[in-house]
Amino acid sequence: MRDGKVEVDGGAVKASRELKEGEVIRIRSGAHYELHEVLGFPKSRVGAKLVGNYIADKTPDEERQRQAVTREMMREMPKGLGRPTKKDRRDWDKMNR
């Protein structure tokens, strides 16, 4: 993808790229990311709840902790002030490094 939000085995990929078993997918969302390994593919279409049977979460514990810190900071923001500013997001990124 153009924004580099999805990588497969360490390299940027296009949306049309087909996955293979054993590949590791890195998905970036803002300042955080998740890693998933492809375990296999279903024989036919399945519901969203069953997709977890075909992937393994490989996200490091330190990244999970950074995500938890960001969520906690979001909860502590005073309500009614609107969405976080660009400065707020940059401050959170600095704290999570």
Protein backbone atom coordinates (compact mmCIF):
# COMPACT_ATOMS: atom_id res chain seq x y z
CA MET A 1 0.00 0.00 0.00
CA ARG A 2 1.14 3.56 -0.60
CA ASP A 3 1.19 4.56 3.05
CA GLY A 4 3.22 1.54 4.12
CA LYS A 5 0.57 0.43 6.60
CA VAL A 6 0.86 -3.23 5.65
CA GLU A 7 4.08 -5.20 5.26
CA VAL A 8 4.55 -8.88 4.53
CA ASP A 9 7.82 -10.46 5.68
CA GLY A 10 9.37 -7.02 6.12
CA GLY A 11 8.49 -5.56 2.72
CA ALA A 12 5.75 -3.19 1.61
CA VAL A 13 3.06 -4.86 -0.50
CA LYS A 14 0.24 -3.91 -2.80
CA ALA A 15 -3.35 -4.64 -1.85
CA SER A 16 -3.68 -7.30 -4.56
CA ARG A 17 -0.79 -9.45 -3.29
CA GLU A 18 -1.79 -12.99 -2.36
CA LEU A 19 -0.65 -14.37 0.98
CA LYS A 20 1.03 -17.72 1.57
CA GLU A 21 1.18 -19.92 4.65
CA GLY A 22 3.90 -18.97 7.11
CA GLU A 23 4.15 -15.32 6.07
CA VAL A 24 4.19 -12.66 8.77
CA ILE A 25 2.00 -9.59 8.30
CA ARG A 26 2.79 -6.29 10.04
CA ILE A 27 -0.13 -3.86 10.22
CA ARG A 28 0.55 -0.29 11.33
CA SER A 29 -2.21 1.79 12.86
CA GLY A 30 -0.99 5.22 13.85
CA ALA A 31 2.04 4.88 16.10
CA HIS A 32 1.33 1.22 16.89
CA TYR A 33 1.52 -2.02 14.97
CA GLU A 34 0.45 -5.65 15.18
CA LEU A 35 2.13 -8.78 13.83
CA HIS A 36 0.19 -11.80 12.61
CA GLU A 37 1.41 -15.07 11.10
CA VAL A 38 -0.66 -16.83 8.44
CA LEU A 39 -1.30 -20.41 9.61
CA GLY A 40 -3.47 -21.54 6.74
CA PHE A 41 -6.54 -20.80 4.66
CA PRO A 42 -10.11 -22.10 4.96
CA LYS A 43 -11.50 -24.32 2.22
CA SER A 44 -14.38 -21.89 1.67
CA ARG A 45 -15.62 -18.60 3.02
CA VAL A 46 -16.01 -18.40 6.79
CA GLY A 47 -17.42 -15.88 9.25
CA ALA A 48 -15.22 -13.22 10.84
CA LYS A 49 -15.22 -15.06 14.18
CA LEU A 50 -13.47 -18.06 12.59
CA VAL A 51 -10.64 -16.09 10.98
CA GLY A 52 -8.71 -16.33 14.26
CA ASN A 53 -8.29 -20.06 13.63
CA TYR A 54 -6.10 -19.28 10.61
CA ILE A 55 -3.79 -16.60 12.05
CA ALA A 56 -1.47 -16.39 15.08
CA ASP A 57 -0.87 -13.12 16.91
CA LYS A 58 2.90 -12.48 17.13
CA THR A 59 2.76 -8.90 18.47
CA PRO A 60 5.58 -8.35 21.02
CA ASP A 61 4.60 -7.73 24.65
CA GLU A 62 6.35 -4.35 24.69
CA GLU A 63 4.15 -3.16 21.81
CA ARG A 64 1.02 -4.37 23.66
CA GLN A 65 2.15 -2.38 26.71
CA ARG A 66 2.63 0.76 24.60
CA GLN A 67 -0.88 0.30 23.19
CA ALA A 68 -2.25 -0.01 26.74
CA VAL A 69 -0.47 3.19 27.81
CA THR A 70 -1.95 5.08 24.86
CA ARG A 71 -5.45 3.77 25.64
CA GLU A 72 -5.05 4.84 29.27
CA MET A 73 -3.93 8.32 28.24
CA MET A 74 -6.97 8.61 25.97
CA ARG A 75 -9.25 7.69 28.89
CA GLU A 76 -7.66 10.34 31.09
CA MET A 77 -8.36 13.13 28.60
CA PRO A 78 -11.13 15.44 29.77
CA LYS A 79 -14.40 14.65 28.02
CA GLY A 80 -16.01 17.15 25.73
CA LEU A 81 -12.81 18.74 24.42
CA GLY A 82 -13.06 17.02 21.07
CA ARG A 83 -10.51 14.84 19.40
CA PRO A 84 -6.81 14.93 20.29
CA THR A 85 -4.72 17.56 18.57
CA LYS A 86 -1.72 16.79 16.41
CA LYS A 87 0.50 17.94 19.29
CA ASP A 88 -1.25 15.51 21.67
CA ARG A 89 -0.62 12.62 19.28
CA ARG A 90 3.05 13.58 18.85
CA ASP A 91 3.46 13.77 22.64
CA TRP A 92 1.98 10.27 22.98
CA ASP A 93 4.33 8.98 20.27
CA LYS A 94 7.33 10.44 22.16
CA MET A 95 6.22 8.80 25.40
CA ASN A 96 5.79 5.42 23.70
CA ARG A 97 9.29 5.32 22.20
